[in-house]
Each structure stands twice: as C-alpha cells, then as structure tokens.
C-alpha cells in the first residue's frame, strides 16, 4: 500500500510540494489539513474519540473529524470524504477560518499544519468506523469548554487551540 501524501504549503497556503504523511510529521513540515465541526439542531457539537491505535493522540476527544486534503482535492471535498470515511455520513460543509499551528507529540512526531475549519449540520447518529473512531457524543460548546478547562489531557492539541483562539468561528449559537 502506498503511503498517503500530504500537501506541503507555505505560510500563505500555497502548495509547494507533496510528502509522505509520516515523513511530514517526523520532519515537522508545514502541510495542509482540515478540521470538521458538525452541529445538531440543539447547537451541540458532535465529538469523536480517536481510535486507540492512532499514531498520535490515541483515545483523545476532538472535533467531529479531521485529516489531510489529497492533491487536487478542495477543502470541502476532503472534509466530506473524510466525514463519510470516519463518521459514516455526508452533509454540506462551509469553510469558517484557517490557521497555522505546531504541536509536538511525545512519540517524536509533530503536527505542523495549515488547518482549515469547516462547519456542518446533522441530526442523526453517525455510523462510526471503528478503525478510526473509538466513540462519539454530542456536547454543547460551553460544556466542552468547561470540561476542557478541567481535563485538558483528554483533548487533542489542535482542538484545544481552536477552542482557545478560534472559538468565535465555531460558535454557531451567536
């Protein structure tokens, strides 16, 4: 099986090349990524718990899904593809904002990503892919914020950054 490639970008999100995903994480090279946030009609966010065998952040809670765009794939196409692969459904998405972050992990890998945040709405239960997702739940943003403050070790690095710096871009109950 050929290893998935990530899109290398500059600080303006211009594509400058491709690299195998693991190599990009080993070398901490800036690459394009996305984070999808799905809300229901009660303004609750669908959280996922990452599968226990993930190469970083296993078992941690995070936004509905996230991954990397493929070469030639738009942000929205990538978000919909991965939402279906991980959570078993597709819904319309809209881009909210984007940001660059860098988060080193204890296993020597580093996420250095130009992350595109996308928002969508869905009211049913997902059909999770157990290879990708250990569990899921709905939570309102204030409850997530409170739990994250009390138990930050239970959440992924990028999810904490989004909550700290980009809360207004994911708060659909404005």
N, C-alpha and C. Protein backbone atom coordinates (compact mmCIF):
# COMPACT_ATOMS: atom_id res chain seq x y z
N UNK A 1 0.84 -1.19 0.00
CA UNK A 1 0.00 0.00 0.00
C UNK A 1 0.88 1.25 0.00
N UNK A 2 0.59 2.17 -0.88
CA UNK A 2 1.34 3.43 -0.98
C UNK A 2 0.92 4.35 0.16
N UNK A 3 1.92 4.92 0.85
CA UNK A 3 1.60 5.82 1.95
C UNK A 3 0.94 7.09 1.43
N UNK A 4 -0.04 7.56 2.18
CA UNK A 4 -0.75 8.78 1.83
C UNK A 4 0.21 9.96 1.80
N UNK A 5 0.01 10.83 0.82
CA UNK A 5 0.82 12.04 0.68
C UNK A 5 0.06 13.22 1.27
N UNK A 6 0.79 14.15 1.89
CA UNK A 6 0.18 15.40 2.33
C UNK A 6 0.67 16.51 1.43
N UNK A 7 -0.09 17.59 1.39
CA UNK A 7 0.23 18.74 0.55
C UNK A 7 1.06 19.72 1.38
N UNK A 8 2.29 19.92 0.98
CA UNK A 8 3.15 20.90 1.65
C UNK A 8 2.75 22.29 1.18
N UNK A 9 2.71 23.23 2.13
CA UNK A 9 2.30 24.59 1.81
C UNK A 9 3.25 25.60 2.47
N UNK A 10 3.20 26.84 1.94
CA UNK A 10 3.91 27.92 2.60
C UNK A 10 2.96 28.58 3.60
N UNK A 11 3.40 29.65 4.23
CA UNK A 11 2.58 30.29 5.27
C UNK A 11 1.35 31.00 4.71
N UNK A 12 1.21 31.03 3.36
CA UNK A 12 0.03 31.62 2.72
C UNK A 12 -0.87 30.53 2.12
N UNK A 13 -0.61 29.27 2.44
CA UNK A 13 -1.37 28.11 1.96
C UNK A 13 -1.18 27.85 0.47
N UNK A 14 -0.08 28.31 -0.10
CA UNK A 14 0.25 27.98 -1.48
C UNK A 14 0.93 26.62 -1.50
N UNK A 15 0.48 25.73 -2.37
CA UNK A 15 1.07 24.40 -2.46
C UNK A 15 2.50 24.50 -2.98
N UNK A 16 3.43 23.84 -2.27
CA UNK A 16 4.83 23.85 -2.69
C UNK A 16 5.40 22.45 -2.90
N UNK A 17 4.58 21.43 -2.71
CA UNK A 17 5.05 20.07 -2.94
C UNK A 17 4.18 19.05 -2.25
N UNK A 18 4.62 17.80 -2.33
CA UNK A 18 3.96 16.68 -1.67
C UNK A 18 5.00 15.91 -0.87
N UNK A 19 4.56 15.22 0.19
CA UNK A 19 5.47 14.43 1.01
C UNK A 19 4.66 13.31 1.66
N UNK A 20 5.26 12.14 1.84
CA UNK A 20 4.55 11.09 2.59
C UNK A 20 4.16 11.62 3.98
N UNK A 21 2.96 11.25 4.43
CA UNK A 21 2.39 11.78 5.68
C UNK A 21 3.31 11.59 6.88
N UNK A 22 3.83 10.39 7.06
CA UNK A 22 4.68 10.14 8.23
C UNK A 22 5.96 10.97 8.17
N UNK A 23 6.55 11.10 6.99
CA UNK A 23 7.76 11.91 6.85
C UNK A 23 7.49 13.36 7.21
N UNK A 24 6.35 13.89 6.78
CA UNK A 24 5.98 15.27 7.10
C UNK A 24 5.84 15.46 8.61
N UNK A 25 5.29 14.45 9.30
CA UNK A 25 5.13 14.54 10.75
C UNK A 25 6.46 14.32 11.47
N UNK A 26 7.33 13.52 10.91
CA UNK A 26 8.66 13.32 11.51
C UNK A 26 9.52 14.57 11.38
N UNK A 27 9.40 15.26 10.23
CA UNK A 27 10.22 16.45 9.95
C UNK A 27 9.55 17.76 10.35
N UNK A 28 8.31 17.68 10.83
CA UNK A 28 7.54 18.87 11.25
C UNK A 28 7.40 19.89 10.13
N UNK A 29 7.12 19.40 8.92
CA UNK A 29 6.97 20.26 7.75
C UNK A 29 5.53 20.77 7.67
N UNK A 30 5.38 22.05 7.37
CA UNK A 30 4.05 22.65 7.26
C UNK A 30 3.28 22.02 6.10
N UNK A 31 2.07 21.54 6.41
CA UNK A 31 1.23 20.90 5.39
C UNK A 31 -0.24 21.24 5.64
N UNK A 32 -1.04 21.07 4.59
CA UNK A 32 -2.46 21.42 4.63
C UNK A 32 -3.26 20.34 5.36
N UNK A 33 -4.23 20.78 6.15
CA UNK A 33 -5.10 19.87 6.91
C UNK A 33 -6.46 20.54 7.07
N UNK A 34 -7.40 19.78 7.65
CA UNK A 34 -8.72 20.36 7.92
C UNK A 34 -9.30 19.76 9.18
N UNK A 35 -10.21 20.52 9.79
CA UNK A 35 -10.95 20.09 10.98
C UNK A 35 -12.43 20.39 10.74
N UNK A 36 -13.26 19.34 10.83
CA UNK A 36 -14.70 19.47 10.59
C UNK A 36 -15.43 19.50 11.93
N UNK A 37 -16.36 20.42 12.06
CA UNK A 37 -17.21 20.58 13.25
C UNK A 37 -18.66 20.42 12.81
N UNK A 38 -19.32 19.36 13.30
CA UNK A 38 -20.72 19.10 12.96
C UNK A 38 -21.59 19.41 14.17
N UNK A 39 -22.63 20.21 13.94
CA UNK A 39 -23.58 20.59 14.98
C UNK A 39 -24.96 20.02 14.65
N UNK A 40 -25.76 19.79 15.71
CA UNK A 40 -27.15 19.37 15.51
C UNK A 40 -28.06 20.59 15.70
N UNK A 41 -29.37 20.37 15.61
CA UNK A 41 -30.30 21.50 15.73
C UNK A 41 -30.45 22.01 17.16
N UNK A 42 -29.77 21.39 18.13
CA UNK A 42 -29.73 21.89 19.51
C UNK A 42 -28.40 22.62 19.78
N UNK A 43 -27.67 22.93 18.70
CA UNK A 43 -26.36 23.59 18.77
C UNK A 43 -25.33 22.80 19.58
N UNK A 44 -25.46 21.48 19.56
CA UNK A 44 -24.47 20.62 20.20
C UNK A 44 -23.46 20.17 19.14
N UNK A 45 -22.23 20.06 19.57
CA UNK A 45 -21.13 19.63 18.70
C UNK A 45 -20.96 18.12 18.80
N UNK A 46 -20.80 17.46 17.65
CA UNK A 46 -20.50 16.03 17.63
C UNK A 46 -18.99 15.87 17.82
N UNK A 47 -18.63 15.26 18.95
CA UNK A 47 -17.22 14.98 19.24
C UNK A 47 -16.91 13.53 18.88
N UNK A 48 -15.66 13.30 18.52
CA UNK A 48 -15.21 11.92 18.35
C UNK A 48 -14.04 11.65 19.28
N UNK A 49 -13.97 10.41 19.74
CA UNK A 49 -12.81 9.94 20.49
C UNK A 49 -11.96 9.16 19.50
N UNK A 50 -10.71 9.59 19.34
CA UNK A 50 -9.82 8.94 18.38
C UNK A 50 -9.58 7.48 18.76
N UNK A 51 -9.46 6.63 17.76
CA UNK A 51 -9.21 5.21 17.99
C UNK A 51 -7.94 5.02 18.81
N UNK A 52 -7.90 3.96 19.57
CA UNK A 52 -6.79 3.71 20.50
C UNK A 52 -5.47 3.37 19.80
N UNK A 53 -5.51 2.98 18.53
CA UNK A 53 -4.28 2.61 17.82
C UNK A 53 -3.74 3.73 16.92
N UNK A 54 -4.30 4.92 17.00
CA UNK A 54 -3.82 6.04 16.18
C UNK A 54 -2.35 6.33 16.52
N UNK A 55 -1.59 6.79 15.52
CA UNK A 55 -0.15 7.02 15.72
C UNK A 55 0.15 8.22 16.60
N UNK A 56 -0.80 9.11 16.79
CA UNK A 56 -0.67 10.14 17.82
C UNK A 56 -2.06 10.49 18.35
N UNK A 57 -2.10 10.95 19.57
CA UNK A 57 -3.33 11.36 20.25
C UNK A 57 -4.39 10.26 20.33
N UNK A 58 -3.97 8.99 20.54
CA UNK A 58 -4.98 7.92 20.62
C UNK A 58 -5.87 8.10 21.85
N UNK A 59 -7.17 7.83 21.67
CA UNK A 59 -8.11 7.88 22.78
C UNK A 59 -8.52 9.26 23.22
N UNK A 60 -7.98 10.30 22.59
CA UNK A 60 -8.34 11.66 22.98
C UNK A 60 -9.59 12.12 22.25
N UNK A 61 -10.33 13.02 22.89
CA UNK A 61 -11.54 13.60 22.30
C UNK A 61 -11.15 14.78 21.42
N UNK A 62 -11.90 14.96 20.34
CA UNK A 62 -11.61 16.03 19.39
C UNK A 62 -12.86 16.39 18.61
N UNK A 63 -12.70 17.29 17.65
CA UNK A 63 -13.82 17.68 16.79
C UNK A 63 -14.30 16.49 15.96
N UNK A 64 -15.37 16.68 15.23
CA UNK A 64 -16.07 15.59 14.55
C UNK A 64 -15.15 14.75 13.67
N UNK A 65 -14.32 15.37 12.87
CA UNK A 65 -13.30 14.64 12.12
C UNK A 65 -12.26 15.60 11.62
N UNK A 66 -11.10 15.06 11.28
CA UNK A 66 -10.02 15.87 10.72
C UNK A 66 -9.09 14.97 9.93
N UNK A 67 -8.39 15.57 9.01
CA UNK A 67 -7.46 14.80 8.19
C UNK A 67 -6.69 15.76 7.29
N UNK A 68 -6.23 15.21 6.17
CA UNK A 68 -5.44 15.96 5.20
C UNK A 68 -6.09 15.90 3.82
N UNK A 69 -6.04 17.01 3.12
CA UNK A 69 -6.53 17.05 1.75
C UNK A 69 -5.58 16.23 0.87
N UNK A 70 -6.13 15.69 -0.20
CA UNK A 70 -5.32 14.99 -1.20
C UNK A 70 -4.99 15.97 -2.32
N UNK A 71 -3.94 15.68 -3.04
CA UNK A 71 -3.52 16.53 -4.15
C UNK A 71 -4.68 16.71 -5.13
N UNK A 72 -5.04 17.94 -5.44
CA UNK A 72 -6.11 18.24 -6.37
C UNK A 72 -7.50 18.24 -5.76
N UNK A 73 -7.61 17.99 -4.47
CA UNK A 73 -8.90 17.92 -3.79
C UNK A 73 -9.16 19.24 -3.06
N UNK A 74 -10.36 19.78 -3.18
CA UNK A 74 -10.69 21.02 -2.47
C UNK A 74 -10.85 20.72 -0.97
N UNK A 75 -10.84 21.77 -0.17
CA UNK A 75 -11.04 21.61 1.27
C UNK A 75 -12.40 20.95 1.55
N UNK A 76 -13.44 21.44 0.88
CA UNK A 76 -14.79 20.91 1.11
C UNK A 76 -14.92 19.46 0.64
N UNK A 77 -14.33 19.13 -0.50
CA UNK A 77 -14.35 17.74 -0.97
C UNK A 77 -13.65 16.83 0.04
N UNK A 78 -12.51 17.28 0.54
CA UNK A 78 -11.75 16.48 1.52
C UNK A 78 -12.54 16.31 2.81
N UNK A 79 -13.16 17.38 3.28
CA UNK A 79 -13.95 17.30 4.51
C UNK A 79 -15.10 16.33 4.39
N UNK A 80 -15.80 16.37 3.28
CA UNK A 80 -16.93 15.45 3.06
C UNK A 80 -16.44 14.01 2.94
N UNK A 81 -15.35 13.80 2.21
CA UNK A 81 -14.79 12.45 2.05
C UNK A 81 -14.44 11.84 3.40
N UNK A 82 -13.73 12.62 4.20
CA UNK A 82 -13.26 12.08 5.48
C UNK A 82 -14.39 11.93 6.48
N UNK A 83 -15.36 12.82 6.44
CA UNK A 83 -16.53 12.71 7.31
C UNK A 83 -17.25 11.38 7.03
N UNK A 84 -17.39 11.04 5.76
CA UNK A 84 -18.03 9.76 5.42
C UNK A 84 -17.15 8.58 5.84
N UNK A 85 -15.83 8.67 5.63
CA UNK A 85 -14.93 7.57 5.99
C UNK A 85 -14.88 7.33 7.49
N UNK A 86 -14.87 8.40 8.29
CA UNK A 86 -14.74 8.25 9.74
C UNK A 86 -16.08 8.10 10.45
N UNK A 87 -17.06 8.92 10.06
CA UNK A 87 -18.31 9.01 10.82
C UNK A 87 -19.51 8.41 10.09
N UNK A 88 -19.35 8.01 8.83
CA UNK A 88 -20.40 7.29 8.12
C UNK A 88 -21.55 8.11 7.58
N UNK A 89 -21.36 9.41 7.43
CA UNK A 89 -22.41 10.24 6.83
C UNK A 89 -21.77 11.40 6.08
N UNK A 90 -22.57 12.03 5.22
CA UNK A 90 -22.13 13.21 4.48
C UNK A 90 -23.17 14.31 4.70
N UNK A 91 -22.71 15.52 4.82
CA UNK A 91 -23.58 16.68 4.91
C UNK A 91 -22.87 17.86 4.28
N UNK A 92 -23.59 18.90 4.00
CA UNK A 92 -22.98 20.10 3.43
C UNK A 92 -22.05 20.73 4.46
N UNK A 93 -20.94 21.26 3.99
CA UNK A 93 -19.97 21.94 4.85
C UNK A 93 -19.71 23.33 4.31
N UNK A 94 -19.32 24.23 5.21
CA UNK A 94 -18.88 25.56 4.79
C UNK A 94 -17.59 25.88 5.52
N UNK A 95 -16.71 26.58 4.82
CA UNK A 95 -15.43 26.95 5.44
C UNK A 95 -15.65 28.11 6.39
N UNK A 96 -14.97 28.05 7.54
CA UNK A 96 -15.14 29.07 8.57
C UNK A 96 -13.90 29.96 8.68
N UNK A 97 -12.74 29.36 8.95
CA UNK A 97 -11.49 30.11 9.05
C UNK A 97 -10.35 29.11 8.88
N UNK A 98 -9.13 29.61 8.94
CA UNK A 98 -7.96 28.73 8.88
C UNK A 98 -6.86 29.34 9.73
N UNK A 99 -5.92 28.50 10.14
CA UNK A 99 -4.83 28.94 10.99
C UNK A 99 -3.67 27.95 10.90
N UNK A 100 -2.50 28.39 11.33
CA UNK A 100 -1.32 27.53 11.37
C UNK A 100 -1.03 27.19 12.82
N UNK A 101 -0.74 25.92 13.08
CA UNK A 101 -0.32 25.53 14.42
C UNK A 101 0.78 24.48 14.33
N UNK A 102 1.52 24.37 15.42
CA UNK A 102 2.59 23.38 15.52
C UNK A 102 2.49 22.73 16.88
N UNK A 103 2.36 21.40 16.90
CA UNK A 103 2.20 20.66 18.16
C UNK A 103 3.07 19.41 18.14
N UNK A 104 4.15 19.40 18.94
CA UNK A 104 4.98 18.19 19.05
C UNK A 104 4.33 17.17 19.98
N UNK A 105 4.55 15.89 19.68
CA UNK A 105 4.00 14.80 20.48
C UNK A 105 5.12 14.00 21.12
N UNK A 106 4.78 13.27 22.16
CA UNK A 106 5.78 12.52 22.93
C UNK A 106 6.44 11.40 22.11
N UNK A 107 5.81 10.99 20.99
CA UNK A 107 6.39 9.92 20.18
C UNK A 107 7.37 10.44 19.13
N UNK A 108 7.73 11.74 19.21
CA UNK A 108 8.70 12.31 18.28
C UNK A 108 8.08 12.90 17.03
N UNK A 109 6.80 12.73 16.82
CA UNK A 109 6.13 13.32 15.67
C UNK A 109 5.62 14.71 16.01
N UNK A 110 5.45 15.53 14.99
CA UNK A 110 4.95 16.89 15.17
C UNK A 110 3.90 17.19 14.12
N UNK A 111 2.78 17.73 14.58
CA UNK A 111 1.77 18.26 13.66
C UNK A 111 2.15 19.71 13.41
N UNK A 112 2.41 20.07 12.16
CA UNK A 112 2.66 21.45 11.77
C UNK A 112 1.73 21.69 10.58
N UNK A 113 0.57 22.25 10.87
CA UNK A 113 -0.49 22.24 9.88
C UNK A 113 -1.08 23.62 9.61
N UNK A 114 -1.46 23.81 8.36
CA UNK A 114 -2.28 24.93 7.94
C UNK A 114 -3.70 24.35 7.93
N UNK A 115 -4.42 24.56 9.03
CA UNK A 115 -5.69 23.87 9.29
C UNK A 115 -6.88 24.71 8.86
N UNK A 116 -7.74 24.11 8.01
CA UNK A 116 -8.96 24.76 7.54
C UNK A 116 -10.14 24.23 8.36
N UNK A 117 -10.85 25.14 9.03
CA UNK A 117 -12.00 24.75 9.85
C UNK A 117 -13.26 24.81 8.99
N UNK A 118 -14.04 23.73 9.04
CA UNK A 118 -15.29 23.65 8.30
C UNK A 118 -16.43 23.29 9.26
N UNK A 119 -17.61 23.84 8.98
CA UNK A 119 -18.79 23.66 9.82
C UNK A 119 -19.90 23.01 9.00
N UNK A 120 -20.63 22.09 9.64
CA UNK A 120 -21.78 21.48 9.00
C UNK A 120 -22.83 21.12 10.04
N UNK A 121 -23.98 20.64 9.56
CA UNK A 121 -25.11 20.32 10.45
C UNK A 121 -25.64 18.93 10.12
N UNK A 122 -26.01 18.20 11.18
CA UNK A 122 -26.50 16.83 11.04
C UNK A 122 -27.22 16.48 12.33
N UNK A 123 -28.35 15.75 12.23
CA UNK A 123 -29.13 15.48 13.43
C UNK A 123 -29.26 14.00 13.79
N UNK A 124 -28.71 13.13 12.98
CA UNK A 124 -28.83 11.71 13.25
C UNK A 124 -27.57 11.18 13.94
N UNK A 125 -27.58 9.89 14.23
CA UNK A 125 -26.40 9.26 14.82
C UNK A 125 -25.44 8.86 13.70
N UNK A 126 -24.15 9.00 13.94
CA UNK A 126 -23.18 8.56 12.94
C UNK A 126 -23.05 7.03 12.97
N UNK A 127 -22.48 6.49 11.92
CA UNK A 127 -22.12 5.07 11.87
C UNK A 127 -20.60 5.05 11.84
N UNK A 128 -20.00 5.06 13.03
CA UNK A 128 -18.55 5.28 13.13
C UNK A 128 -17.74 4.10 12.58
N UNK A 129 -16.61 4.46 12.00
CA UNK A 129 -15.63 3.50 11.51
C UNK A 129 -14.71 3.19 12.69
N UNK A 130 -14.82 2.00 13.25
CA UNK A 130 -14.07 1.63 14.46
C UNK A 130 -12.54 1.62 14.23
N UNK A 131 -12.11 1.59 12.97
CA UNK A 131 -10.67 1.70 12.69
C UNK A 131 -10.16 3.12 12.96
N UNK A 132 -11.06 4.08 12.89
CA UNK A 132 -10.70 5.49 13.04
C UNK A 132 -11.19 6.12 14.34
N UNK A 133 -12.35 5.66 14.81
CA UNK A 133 -13.06 6.33 15.90
C UNK A 133 -13.42 5.31 16.99
N UNK A 134 -13.07 5.62 18.24
CA UNK A 134 -13.41 4.73 19.36
C UNK A 134 -14.84 4.98 19.86
N UNK A 135 -15.26 6.25 19.87
CA UNK A 135 -16.57 6.61 20.41
C UNK A 135 -16.95 7.99 19.91
N UNK A 136 -18.16 8.42 20.21
CA UNK A 136 -18.63 9.75 19.82
C UNK A 136 -19.68 10.21 20.83
N UNK A 137 -19.96 11.51 20.83
CA UNK A 137 -21.01 12.06 21.69
C UNK A 137 -21.35 13.47 21.23
N UNK A 138 -22.54 13.94 21.60
CA UNK A 138 -22.95 15.32 21.40
C UNK A 138 -22.66 16.09 22.69
N UNK A 139 -22.12 17.30 22.58
CA UNK A 139 -21.93 18.18 23.74
C UNK A 139 -22.12 19.63 23.30
N UNK A 140 -22.72 20.44 24.17
CA UNK A 140 -22.79 21.85 23.82
C UNK A 140 -21.42 22.48 24.07
N UNK A 141 -21.16 23.58 23.39
CA UNK A 141 -19.82 24.18 23.43
C UNK A 141 -19.40 24.62 24.83
N UNK A 142 -20.34 25.12 25.61
CA UNK A 142 -20.00 25.55 26.97
C UNK A 142 -19.57 24.36 27.83
N UNK A 143 -20.22 23.21 27.65
CA UNK A 143 -19.84 22.01 28.40
C UNK A 143 -18.46 21.52 27.95
N UNK A 144 -18.18 21.59 26.65
CA UNK A 144 -16.86 21.21 26.15
C UNK A 144 -15.81 22.13 26.74
N UNK A 145 -16.08 23.42 26.71
CA UNK A 145 -15.13 24.42 27.22
C UNK A 145 -14.83 24.17 28.70
N UNK A 146 -15.87 23.89 29.48
CA UNK A 146 -15.70 23.64 30.92
C UNK A 146 -14.91 22.35 31.16
N UNK A 147 -15.25 21.29 30.43
CA UNK A 147 -14.54 20.02 30.61
C UNK A 147 -13.10 20.13 30.15
N UNK A 148 -12.87 20.87 29.08
CA UNK A 148 -11.51 21.06 28.58
C UNK A 148 -10.66 21.82 29.59
N UNK A 149 -11.25 22.78 30.28
CA UNK A 149 -10.52 23.53 31.30
C UNK A 149 -10.17 22.63 32.49
N UNK A 150 -11.08 21.72 32.83
CA UNK A 150 -10.87 20.84 33.97
C UNK A 150 -10.00 19.62 33.63
N UNK A 151 -10.12 19.12 32.39
CA UNK A 151 -9.41 17.91 31.98
C UNK A 151 -8.75 18.10 30.61
N UNK A 152 -7.80 19.03 30.47
CA UNK A 152 -7.20 19.30 29.16
C UNK A 152 -6.48 18.08 28.56
N UNK A 153 -6.05 17.17 29.41
CA UNK A 153 -5.33 15.98 28.94
C UNK A 153 -6.23 15.03 28.14
N UNK A 154 -7.54 15.25 28.17
CA UNK A 154 -8.49 14.38 27.45
C UNK A 154 -8.75 14.83 26.01
N UNK A 155 -8.14 15.95 25.59
CA UNK A 155 -8.44 16.54 24.29
C UNK A 155 -7.19 16.70 23.43
N UNK A 156 -7.39 16.67 22.10
CA UNK A 156 -6.27 16.80 21.17
C UNK A 156 -5.71 18.23 21.19
N UNK A 157 -4.46 18.35 20.80
CA UNK A 157 -3.77 19.65 20.79
C UNK A 157 -4.49 20.65 19.89
N UNK A 158 -4.84 20.26 18.67
CA UNK A 158 -5.48 21.20 17.74
C UNK A 158 -6.86 21.62 18.20
N UNK A 159 -7.58 20.70 18.84
CA UNK A 159 -8.92 21.03 19.33
C UNK A 159 -8.81 22.08 20.44
N UNK A 160 -7.83 21.95 21.31
CA UNK A 160 -7.63 22.94 22.38
C UNK A 160 -7.24 24.28 21.79
N UNK A 161 -6.40 24.29 20.77
CA UNK A 161 -6.00 25.55 20.12
C UNK A 161 -7.22 26.22 19.49
N UNK A 162 -8.03 25.45 18.78
CA UNK A 162 -9.23 26.01 18.15
C UNK A 162 -10.15 26.61 19.21
N UNK A 163 -10.34 25.91 20.32
CA UNK A 163 -11.21 26.43 21.38
C UNK A 163 -10.63 27.70 22.00
N UNK A 164 -9.32 27.73 22.15
CA UNK A 164 -8.69 28.89 22.78
C UNK A 164 -8.66 30.11 21.87
N UNK A 165 -8.34 29.92 20.59
CA UNK A 165 -8.09 31.05 19.71
C UNK A 165 -9.16 31.32 18.66
N UNK A 166 -9.98 30.32 18.35
CA UNK A 166 -10.92 30.48 17.24
C UNK A 166 -12.35 30.13 17.62
N UNK A 167 -12.65 30.26 18.90
CA UNK A 167 -13.98 29.90 19.42
C UNK A 167 -15.11 30.61 18.66
N UNK A 168 -14.91 31.88 18.34
CA UNK A 168 -15.98 32.63 17.67
C UNK A 168 -16.27 32.09 16.27
N UNK A 169 -15.32 31.36 15.67
CA UNK A 169 -15.53 30.80 14.33
C UNK A 169 -16.27 29.46 14.36
N UNK A 170 -16.35 28.84 15.52
CA UNK A 170 -17.09 27.57 15.63
C UNK A 170 -18.36 27.71 16.46
N UNK A 171 -18.54 28.85 17.10
CA UNK A 171 -19.73 29.05 17.93
C UNK A 171 -20.91 29.41 17.03
N UNK A 172 -21.72 28.40 16.68
CA UNK A 172 -22.85 28.63 15.77
C UNK A 172 -24.05 29.24 16.48
N UNK A 173 -24.00 29.31 17.80
CA UNK A 173 -25.09 29.85 18.61
C UNK A 173 -24.76 31.28 19.04
N UNK A 174 -24.48 32.14 18.04
CA UNK A 174 -24.04 33.51 18.33
C UNK A 174 -25.21 34.41 18.63
